[in-house]
Amino acid sequence: MSSPVKLCWSAVGDAQTSFSHFMRVLRTGGIVDDYALRPGIGLVCVGDYFDYGAVDDANVAMVGREGTQTLRWLAGQPADRVIILLGNHDIARVMELAYETDATFRAAQYLAREVATDLANRDEFITRYPNIPTPEVALRDFSTFAVEQRQLVQELLIARRVTLAASGVLDGKPVLITHAAVPTHDLEAIGMEPTTDVSAIASAVNAFLDAAVDAVAPLWQLGEEAALDLAPL
C-alpha cells in the first residue's frame, strides 16, 4: 500500500481580480501549470473572490463574472488539495444581499449615488432597501453583486465545498487560517471555551456554519429567498 503524497501548501487571500490575472499569480508562484494544479501542490484560498477595482455600468457585469469564474475554478479542483474559505464579500452574497435581485441592486446603486451628494436622502435609501446596511455597501463594497454569485455560494455551502476556517502548521507552529480573526467572544458565543487548539477552533467554527447552512438549505433548494443567519457572531 503506497503512502499518501505529502503536499506542499501555499495560501492566497483576497483574490479580487480578473480570473486571468489570478491564474498568472498562481503560475508565477509555481502553483499551477496552465489551468491545472501542479503535482504535489495544495492551495488554501482565504476568501473574497468578488468585487474589485472601480466599476461602472459598462463593466459591472463583466467584473462580477470574473469572481464567479475564479470561485468555480477553485471549486472544481480536488477538495483534498484546494481548501476554499469564505470572506466577508462572499458570505454577504447569502446574508446582506440574500433578498436582492440584479435589478433591485442596480436600482439601489443608482440611489446610492444620489445619496453620496445629498445626505438628506440617506434615510430614503435605508427605507427602500432595508436589507442593504448602507449606501456604501451598494456603491462600493459589494458593487458587482449578481444573483448568479449568490446561487454559486449557496450551492458550494450546501455541498460543504466552502467553509470559514482551516488549521495547519507553519514553521513548526500551529496556525489558524481564516479570512479574519476569530476573537474569544465569538468562540464563547458558539459555546466554546477559550483555547489555543487551532484545530478545535476551526472545527467548531465550521460546525457552526454547517448548522446554519442546514437550517436554510431547504429554502435555497426550493429557490426561495432566505438569508444565512450566523447570529450571535
C-alpha atoms as a PDB file:
ATOM      1  CA  MET A   1       0.000   0.000   0.000  1.00  0.00           C
ATOM      2  CA  SER A   2       1.507   3.342  -1.065  1.00  0.00           C
ATOM      3  CA  SER A   3       1.862   6.214   1.390  1.00  0.00           C
ATOM      4  CA  PRO A   4      -0.205   9.364   0.842  1.00  0.00           C
ATOM      5  CA  VAL A   5       1.568  12.031  -1.176  1.00  0.00           C
ATOM      6  CA  LYS A   6       2.763  14.851   1.071  1.00  0.00           C
ATOM      7  CA  LEU A   7       1.585  18.169  -0.307  1.00  0.00           C
ATOM      8  CA  CYS A   8       3.458  21.451  -0.332  1.00  0.00           C
ATOM      9  CA  TRP A   9       0.835  24.017   0.658  1.00  0.00           C
ATOM     10  CA  SER A  10       0.508  27.643  -0.392  1.00  0.00           C
ATOM     11  CA  ALA A  11      -2.075  30.227   0.604  1.00  0.00           C
ATOM     12  CA  VAL A  12      -3.608  33.154  -1.255  1.00  0.00           C
ATOM     13  CA  GLY A  13      -6.049  35.703   0.068  1.00  0.00           C
ATOM     14  CA  ASP A  14      -8.337  38.386  -1.318  1.00  0.00           C
ATOM     15  CA  ALA A  15      -8.359  37.067  -4.872  1.00  0.00           C
ATOM     16  CA  GLN A  16     -10.277  40.134  -6.035  1.00  0.00           C
ATOM     17  CA  THR A  17      -9.010  40.391  -9.580  1.00  0.00           C
ATOM     18  CA  SER A  18      -9.724  39.033 -13.029  1.00  0.00           C
ATOM     19  CA  PHE A  19      -9.603  35.277 -13.473  1.00  0.00           C
ATOM     20  CA  SER A  20      -6.738  35.576 -15.964  1.00  0.00           C
ATOM     21  CA  HIS A  21      -4.690  37.662 -13.528  1.00  0.00           C
ATOM     22  CA  PHE A  22      -5.445  35.232 -10.702  1.00  0.00           C
ATOM     23  CA  MET A  23      -4.121  32.406 -12.869  1.00  0.00           C
ATOM     24  CA  ARG A  24      -0.987  34.408 -13.658  1.00  0.00           C
ATOM     25  CA  VAL A  25      -0.361  34.877  -9.945  1.00  0.00           C
ATOM     26  CA  LEU A  26      -0.720  31.134  -9.340  1.00  0.00           C
ATOM     27  CA  ARG A  27       1.576  30.310 -12.259  1.00  0.00           C
ATOM     28  CA  THR A  28       4.179  32.790 -11.020  1.00  0.00           C
ATOM     29  CA  GLY A  29       4.022  31.130  -7.610  1.00  0.00           C
ATOM     30  CA  GLY A  30       4.557  27.698  -9.127  1.00  0.00           C
ATOM     31  CA  ILE A  31       1.106  26.536  -8.055  1.00  0.00           C
ATOM     32  CA  VAL A  32      -0.420  25.768 -11.460  1.00  0.00           C
ATOM     33  CA  ASP A  33       0.720  24.744 -14.912  1.00  0.00           C
ATOM     34  CA  ASP A  34      -1.659  26.310 -17.393  1.00  0.00           C
ATOM     35  CA  TYR A  35      -5.018  25.799 -15.587  1.00  0.00           C
ATOM     36  CA  ALA A  36      -4.173  22.711 -13.526  1.00  0.00           C
ATOM     37  CA  LEU A  37      -2.609  22.361 -10.094  1.00  0.00           C
ATOM     38  CA  ARG A  38       0.946  21.119 -10.225  1.00  0.00           C
ATOM     39  CA  PRO A  39       1.544  17.658  -8.723  1.00  0.00           C
ATOM     40  CA  GLY A  40       2.245  17.730  -5.004  1.00  0.00           C
ATOM     41  CA  ILE A  41       0.762  21.202  -4.512  1.00  0.00           C
ATOM     42  CA  GLY A  42      -2.031  22.170  -2.122  1.00  0.00           C
ATOM     43  CA  LEU A  43      -3.725  25.570  -2.013  1.00  0.00           C
ATOM     44  CA  VAL A  44      -5.664  27.397   0.699  1.00  0.00           C
ATOM     45  CA  CYS A  45      -7.740  30.329  -0.589  1.00  0.00           C
ATOM     46  CA  VAL A  46      -8.589  32.737   2.185  1.00  0.00           C
ATOM     47  CA  GLY A  47     -11.708  34.405   0.835  1.00  0.00           C
ATOM     48  CA  ASP A  48     -13.005  37.444  -1.033  1.00  0.00           C
ATOM     49  CA  TYR A  49     -13.451  36.356  -4.640  1.00  0.00           C
ATOM     50  CA  PHE A  50     -15.899  39.105  -5.630  1.00  0.00           C
ATOM     51  CA  ASP A  51     -15.694  42.882  -6.072  1.00  0.00           C
ATOM     52  CA  TYR A  52     -12.570  44.677  -7.198  1.00  0.00           C
ATOM     53  CA  GLY A  53     -11.446  47.916  -8.743  1.00  0.00           C
ATOM     54  CA  ALA A  54     -13.519  50.815  -9.973  1.00  0.00           C
ATOM     55  CA  VAL A  55     -16.635  49.671 -11.805  1.00  0.00           C
ATOM     56  CA  ASP A  56     -19.299  51.475 -13.771  1.00  0.00           C
ATOM     57  CA  ASP A  57     -22.474  50.477 -15.558  1.00  0.00           C
ATOM     58  CA  ALA A  58     -20.480  49.366 -18.599  1.00  0.00           C
ATOM     59  CA  ASN A  59     -18.259  46.825 -16.858  1.00  0.00           C
ATOM     60  CA  VAL A  60     -20.012  45.837 -13.634  1.00  0.00           C
ATOM     61  CA  ALA A  61     -21.417  42.607 -15.093  1.00  0.00           C
ATOM     62  CA  MET A  62     -18.054  41.626 -16.558  1.00  0.00           C
ATOM     63  CA  VAL A  63     -16.231  42.219 -13.279  1.00  0.00           C
ATOM     64  CA  GLY A  64     -18.886  40.222 -11.444  1.00  0.00           C
ATOM     65  CA  ARG A  65     -18.393  37.265 -13.762  1.00  0.00           C
ATOM     66  CA  GLU A  66     -14.640  37.270 -13.127  1.00  0.00           C
ATOM     67  CA  GLY A  67     -15.164  36.489  -9.446  1.00  0.00           C
ATOM     68  CA  THR A  68     -17.665  33.781 -10.293  1.00  0.00           C
ATOM     69  CA  GLN A  69     -15.211  32.187 -12.720  1.00  0.00           C
ATOM     70  CA  THR A  70     -12.451  32.213 -10.115  1.00  0.00           C
ATOM     71  CA  LEU A  71     -14.641  30.598  -7.466  1.00  0.00           C
ATOM     72  CA  ARG A  72     -15.962  27.994  -9.914  1.00  0.00           C
ATOM     73  CA  TRP A  73     -12.424  27.070 -10.922  1.00  0.00           C
ATOM     74  CA  LEU A  74     -11.367  26.655  -7.304  1.00  0.00           C
ATOM     75  CA  ALA A  75     -14.433  24.551  -6.518  1.00  0.00           C
ATOM     76  CA  GLY A  76     -13.632  22.318  -9.487  1.00  0.00           C
ATOM     77  CA  GLN A  77     -10.241  21.351  -8.073  1.00  0.00           C
ATOM     78  CA  PRO A  78      -9.795  18.292  -5.810  1.00  0.00           C
ATOM     79  CA  ALA A  79     -11.190  19.081  -2.364  1.00  0.00           C
ATOM     80  CA  ASP A  80      -8.209  17.444  -0.653  1.00  0.00           C
ATOM     81  CA  ARG A  81      -5.850  19.826  -2.464  1.00  0.00           C
ATOM     82  CA  VAL A  82      -7.777  23.108  -2.572  1.00  0.00           C
ATOM     83  CA  ILE A  83      -9.381  24.471   0.592  1.00  0.00           C
ATOM     84  CA  ILE A  84     -11.800  27.331  -0.064  1.00  0.00           C
ATOM     85  CA  LEU A  85     -12.530  29.729   2.773  1.00  0.00           C
ATOM     86  CA  LEU A  86     -15.130  32.467   2.560  1.00  0.00           C
ATOM     87  CA  GLY A  87     -14.512  36.149   3.210  1.00  0.00           C
ATOM     88  CA  ASN A  88     -16.972  38.898   4.027  1.00  0.00           C
ATOM     89  CA  HIS A  89     -17.552  39.732   0.349  1.00  0.00           C
ATOM     90  CA  ASP A  90     -18.529  36.111  -0.338  1.00  0.00           C
ATOM     91  CA  ILE A  91     -20.693  35.416   2.697  1.00  0.00           C
ATOM     92  CA  ALA A  92     -22.501  38.731   2.140  1.00  0.00           C
ATOM     93  CA  ARG A  93     -23.992  37.255  -1.031  1.00  0.00           C
ATOM     94  CA  VAL A  94     -26.129  34.948   1.124  1.00  0.00           C
ATOM     95  CA  MET A  95     -26.587  37.307   4.075  1.00  0.00           C
ATOM     96  CA  GLU A  96     -26.965  41.066   3.485  1.00  0.00           C
ATOM     97  CA  LEU A  97     -27.693  40.547  -0.221  1.00  0.00           C
ATOM     98  CA  ALA A  98     -29.919  37.493   0.174  1.00  0.00           C
ATOM     99  CA  TYR A  99     -33.084  39.297  -0.933  1.00  0.00           C
ATOM    100  CA  GLU A 100     -31.751  41.411  -3.792  1.00  0.00           C
ATOM    101  CA  THR A 101     -32.205  40.748  -7.492  1.00  0.00           C
ATOM    102  CA  ASP A 102     -29.897  42.067 -10.170  1.00  0.00           C
ATOM    103  CA  ALA A 103     -32.480  44.764 -10.915  1.00  0.00           C
ATOM    104  CA  THR A 104     -33.099  45.867  -7.321  1.00  0.00           C
ATOM    105  CA  PHE A 105     -29.390  46.011  -6.584  1.00  0.00           C
ATOM    106  CA  ARG A 106     -28.645  48.143  -9.647  1.00  0.00           C
ATOM    107  CA  ALA A 107     -31.503  50.449  -8.613  1.00  0.00           C
ATOM    108  CA  ALA A 108     -30.021  50.637  -5.123  1.00  0.00           C
ATOM    109  CA  GLN A 109     -26.710  51.672  -6.651  1.00  0.00           C
ATOM    110  CA  TYR A 110     -28.347  54.497  -8.591  1.00  0.00           C
ATOM    111  CA  LEU A 111     -29.972  55.811  -5.419  1.00  0.00           C
ATOM    112  CA  ALA A 112     -26.712  55.379  -3.503  1.00  0.00           C
ATOM    113  CA  ARG A 113     -25.004  57.695  -5.991  1.00  0.00           C
ATOM    114  CA  GLU A 114     -27.619  60.355  -5.272  1.00  0.00           C
ATOM    115  CA  VAL A 115     -27.222  59.857  -1.534  1.00  0.00           C
ATOM    116  CA  ALA A 116     -23.476  60.397  -1.878  1.00  0.00           C
ATOM    117  CA  THR A 117     -24.149  64.017  -2.850  1.00  0.00           C
ATOM    118  CA  ASP A 118     -27.399  64.542  -0.941  1.00  0.00           C
ATOM    119  CA  LEU A 119     -27.229  63.184   2.587  1.00  0.00           C
ATOM    120  CA  ALA A 120     -30.853  64.133   3.165  1.00  0.00           C
ATOM    121  CA  ASN A 121     -31.828  61.140   1.019  1.00  0.00           C
ATOM    122  CA  ARG A 122     -29.875  58.669   3.134  1.00  0.00           C
ATOM    123  CA  ASP A 123     -32.969  57.737   5.144  1.00  0.00           C
ATOM    124  CA  GLU A 124     -34.839  57.136   1.891  1.00  0.00           C
ATOM    125  CA  PHE A 125     -32.194  54.613   0.859  1.00  0.00           C
ATOM    126  CA  ILE A 126     -32.442  52.742   4.141  1.00  0.00           C
ATOM    127  CA  THR A 127     -36.239  52.707   3.902  1.00  0.00           C
ATOM    128  CA  ARG A 128     -36.307  51.414   0.333  1.00  0.00           C
ATOM    129  CA  TYR A 129     -33.500  48.878   0.784  1.00  0.00           C
ATOM    130  CA  PRO A 130     -33.669  47.748   4.419  1.00  0.00           C
ATOM    131  CA  ASN A 131     -31.532  44.657   3.854  1.00  0.00           C
ATOM    132  CA  ILE A 132     -28.566  46.615   2.466  1.00  0.00           C
ATOM    133  CA  PRO A 133     -26.767  48.024   5.528  1.00  0.00           C
ATOM    134  CA  THR A 134     -25.528  51.288   3.984  1.00  0.00           C
ATOM    135  CA  PRO A 135     -25.476  53.052   0.609  1.00  0.00           C
ATOM    136  CA  GLU A 136     -21.712  52.498   0.523  1.00  0.00           C
ATOM    137  CA  VAL A 137     -22.265  48.736   0.513  1.00  0.00           C
ATOM    138  CA  ALA A 138     -24.173  49.009  -2.756  1.00  0.00           C
ATOM    139  CA  LEU A 139     -21.980  51.649  -4.325  1.00  0.00           C
ATOM    140  CA  ARG A 140     -18.540  50.412  -3.345  1.00  0.00           C
ATOM    141  CA  ASP A 141     -18.105  47.442  -1.017  1.00  0.00           C
ATOM    142  CA  PHE A 142     -20.222  44.827  -2.809  1.00  0.00           C
ATOM    143  CA  SER A 143     -20.618  46.735  -6.046  1.00  0.00           C
ATOM    144  CA  THR A 144     -20.525  43.811  -8.502  1.00  0.00           C
ATOM    145  CA  PHE A 145     -23.255  41.713  -6.887  1.00  0.00           C
ATOM    146  CA  ALA A 146     -25.264  39.403  -9.134  1.00  0.00           C
ATOM    147  CA  VAL A 147     -27.792  36.700  -8.310  1.00  0.00           C
ATOM    148  CA  GLU A 148     -25.544  34.184 -10.085  1.00  0.00           C
ATOM    149  CA  GLN A 149     -22.900  34.785  -7.419  1.00  0.00           C
ATOM    150  CA  ARG A 150     -25.363  34.190  -4.604  1.00  0.00           C
ATOM    151  CA  GLN A 151     -26.560  30.969  -6.204  1.00  0.00           C
ATOM    152  CA  LEU A 152     -22.977  29.733  -6.519  1.00  0.00           C
ATOM    153  CA  VAL A 153     -22.163  30.478  -2.885  1.00  0.00           C
ATOM    154  CA  GLN A 154     -25.379  28.743  -1.802  1.00  0.00           C
ATOM    155  CA  GLU A 155     -24.515  25.714  -3.915  1.00  0.00           C
ATOM    156  CA  LEU A 156     -20.995  25.451  -2.502  1.00  0.00           C
ATOM    157  CA  LEU A 157     -22.177  25.919   1.083  1.00  0.00           C
ATOM    158  CA  ILE A 158     -24.745  23.148   0.718  1.00  0.00           C
ATOM    159  CA  ALA A 159     -22.091  20.878  -0.815  1.00  0.00           C
ATOM    160  CA  ARG A 160     -19.689  21.672   2.071  1.00  0.00           C
ATOM    161  CA  ARG A 161     -17.147  22.795  -0.535  1.00  0.00           C
ATOM    162  CA  VAL A 162     -16.532  26.137   1.166  1.00  0.00           C
ATOM    163  CA  THR A 163     -16.064  26.918   4.811  1.00  0.00           C
ATOM    164  CA  LEU A 164     -14.787  29.551   7.241  1.00  0.00           C
ATOM    165  CA  ALA A 165     -11.636  28.166   8.868  1.00  0.00           C
ATOM    166  CA  ALA A 166      -8.771  25.744   8.463  1.00  0.00           C
ATOM    167  CA  SER A 167      -5.751  24.833  10.555  1.00  0.00           C
ATOM    168  CA  GLY A 168      -2.206  23.886   9.713  1.00  0.00           C
ATOM    169  CA  VAL A 169       1.429  24.123  10.716  1.00  0.00           C
ATOM    170  CA  LEU A 170       3.754  26.939   9.668  1.00  0.00           C
ATOM    171  CA  ASP A 171       7.423  26.903  10.650  1.00  0.00           C
ATOM    172  CA  GLY A 172       6.641  24.213  13.181  1.00  0.00           C
ATOM    173  CA  LYS A 173       3.870  26.206  14.848  1.00  0.00           C
ATOM    174  CA  PRO A 174       0.111  25.509  14.660  1.00  0.00           C
ATOM    175  CA  VAL A 175      -1.814  28.208  12.816  1.00  0.00           C
ATOM    176  CA  LEU A 176      -5.489  29.059  12.405  1.00  0.00           C
ATOM    177  CA  ILE A 177      -6.362  30.167   8.874  1.00  0.00           C
ATOM    178  CA  THR A 178      -9.393  32.407   8.369  1.00  0.00           C
ATOM    179  CA  HIS A 179     -10.286  35.453   6.314  1.00  0.00           C
ATOM    180  CA  ALA A 180     -10.378  37.450   9.551  1.00  0.00           C
ATOM    181  CA  ALA A 181      -9.574  36.651  13.147  1.00  0.00           C
ATOM    182  CA  VAL A 182     -11.765  34.577  15.461  1.00  0.00           C
ATOM    183  CA  PRO A 183     -11.943  36.612  18.687  1.00  0.00           C
ATOM    184  CA  THR A 184     -12.533  34.980  22.033  1.00  0.00           C
ATOM    185  CA  HIS A 185     -16.035  36.444  22.337  1.00  0.00           C
ATOM    186  CA  ASP A 186     -17.039  34.684  19.099  1.00  0.00           C
ATOM    187  CA  LEU A 187     -15.863  31.354  20.490  1.00  0.00           C
ATOM    188  CA  GLU A 188     -17.847  31.996  23.646  1.00  0.00           C
ATOM    189  CA  ALA A 189     -20.889  32.902  21.537  1.00  0.00           C
ATOM    190  CA  ILE A 190     -20.876  29.461  19.917  1.00  0.00           C
ATOM    191  CA  GLY A 191     -20.383  27.715  23.256  1.00  0.00           C
ATOM    192  CA  MET A 192     -16.654  27.045  23.087  1.00  0.00           C
ATOM    193  CA  GLU A 193     -14.268  27.649  25.948  1.00  0.00           C
ATOM    194  CA  PRO A 194     -11.199  29.768  25.133  1.00  0.00           C
ATOM    195  CA  THR A 195      -8.447  27.544  23.749  1.00  0.00           C
ATOM    196  CA  THR A 196      -5.241  27.670  21.757  1.00  0.00           C
ATOM    197  CA  ASP A 197      -6.083  24.422  19.944  1.00  0.00           C
ATOM    198  CA  VAL A 198      -6.372  25.763  16.395  1.00  0.00           C
ATOM    199  CA  SER A 199      -7.769  22.520  15.019  1.00  0.00           C
ATOM    200  CA  ALA A 200     -10.551  22.554  17.606  1.00  0.00           C
ATOM    201  CA  ILE A 201     -11.302  26.214  16.864  1.00  0.00           C
ATOM    202  CA  ALA A 202     -11.527  25.584  13.123  1.00  0.00           C
ATOM    203  CA  SER A 203     -13.768  22.566  13.668  1.00  0.00           C
ATOM    204  CA  ALA A 204     -16.093  24.480  15.997  1.00  0.00           C
ATOM    205  CA  VAL A 205     -16.415  27.485  13.682  1.00  0.00           C
ATOM    206  CA  ASN A 206     -17.069  25.280  10.668  1.00  0.00           C
ATOM    207  CA  ALA A 207     -19.600  23.153  12.542  1.00  0.00           C
ATOM    208  CA  PHE A 208     -21.452  26.343  13.497  1.00  0.00           C
ATOM    209  CA  LEU A 209     -21.514  27.397   9.841  1.00  0.00           C
ATOM    210  CA  ASP A 210     -22.700  23.960   8.716  1.00  0.00           C
ATOM    211  CA  ALA A 211     -25.589  24.033  11.188  1.00  0.00           C
ATOM    212  CA  ALA A 212     -26.625  27.478   9.968  1.00  0.00           C
ATOM    213  CA  VAL A 213     -26.490  26.297   6.352  1.00  0.00           C
ATOM    214  CA  ASP A 214     -28.557  23.213   7.165  1.00  0.00           C
ATOM    215  CA  ALA A 215     -31.234  25.459   8.667  1.00  0.00           C
ATOM    216  CA  VAL A 216     -31.679  27.492   5.482  1.00  0.00           C
ATOM    217  CA  ALA A 217     -30.689  25.000   2.758  1.00  0.00           C
ATOM    218  CA  PRO A 218     -34.218  23.590   2.224  1.00  0.00           C
ATOM    219  CA  LEU A 219     -35.437  27.066   1.273  1.00  0.00           C
ATOM    220  CA  TRP A 220     -32.476  27.683  -1.024  1.00  0.00           C
ATOM    221  CA  GLN A 221     -33.055  24.370  -2.758  1.00  0.00           C
ATOM    222  CA  LEU A 222     -36.643  25.419  -3.454  1.00  0.00           C
ATOM    223  CA  GLY A 223     -35.387  28.654  -4.971  1.00  0.00           C
ATOM    224  CA  GLU A 224     -36.845  30.751  -2.164  1.00  0.00           C
ATOM    225  CA  GLU A 225     -35.200  33.874  -0.790  1.00  0.00           C
ATOM    226  CA  ALA A 226     -33.662  33.328   2.631  1.00  0.00           C
ATOM    227  CA  ALA A 227     -30.647  34.772   4.419  1.00  0.00           C
ATOM    228  CA  LEU A 228     -27.985  32.727   6.150  1.00  0.00           C
ATOM    229  CA  ASP A 229     -28.148  33.548   9.860  1.00  0.00           C
ATOM    230  CA  LEU A 230     -24.823  33.435  11.704  1.00  0.00           C
ATOM    231  CA  ALA A 231     -26.080  35.118  14.880  1.00  0.00           C
ATOM    232  CA  PRO A 232     -24.740  35.582  17.500  1.00  0.00           C
ATOM    233  CA  LEU A 233     -21.479  36.001  15.601  1.00  0.00           C
END
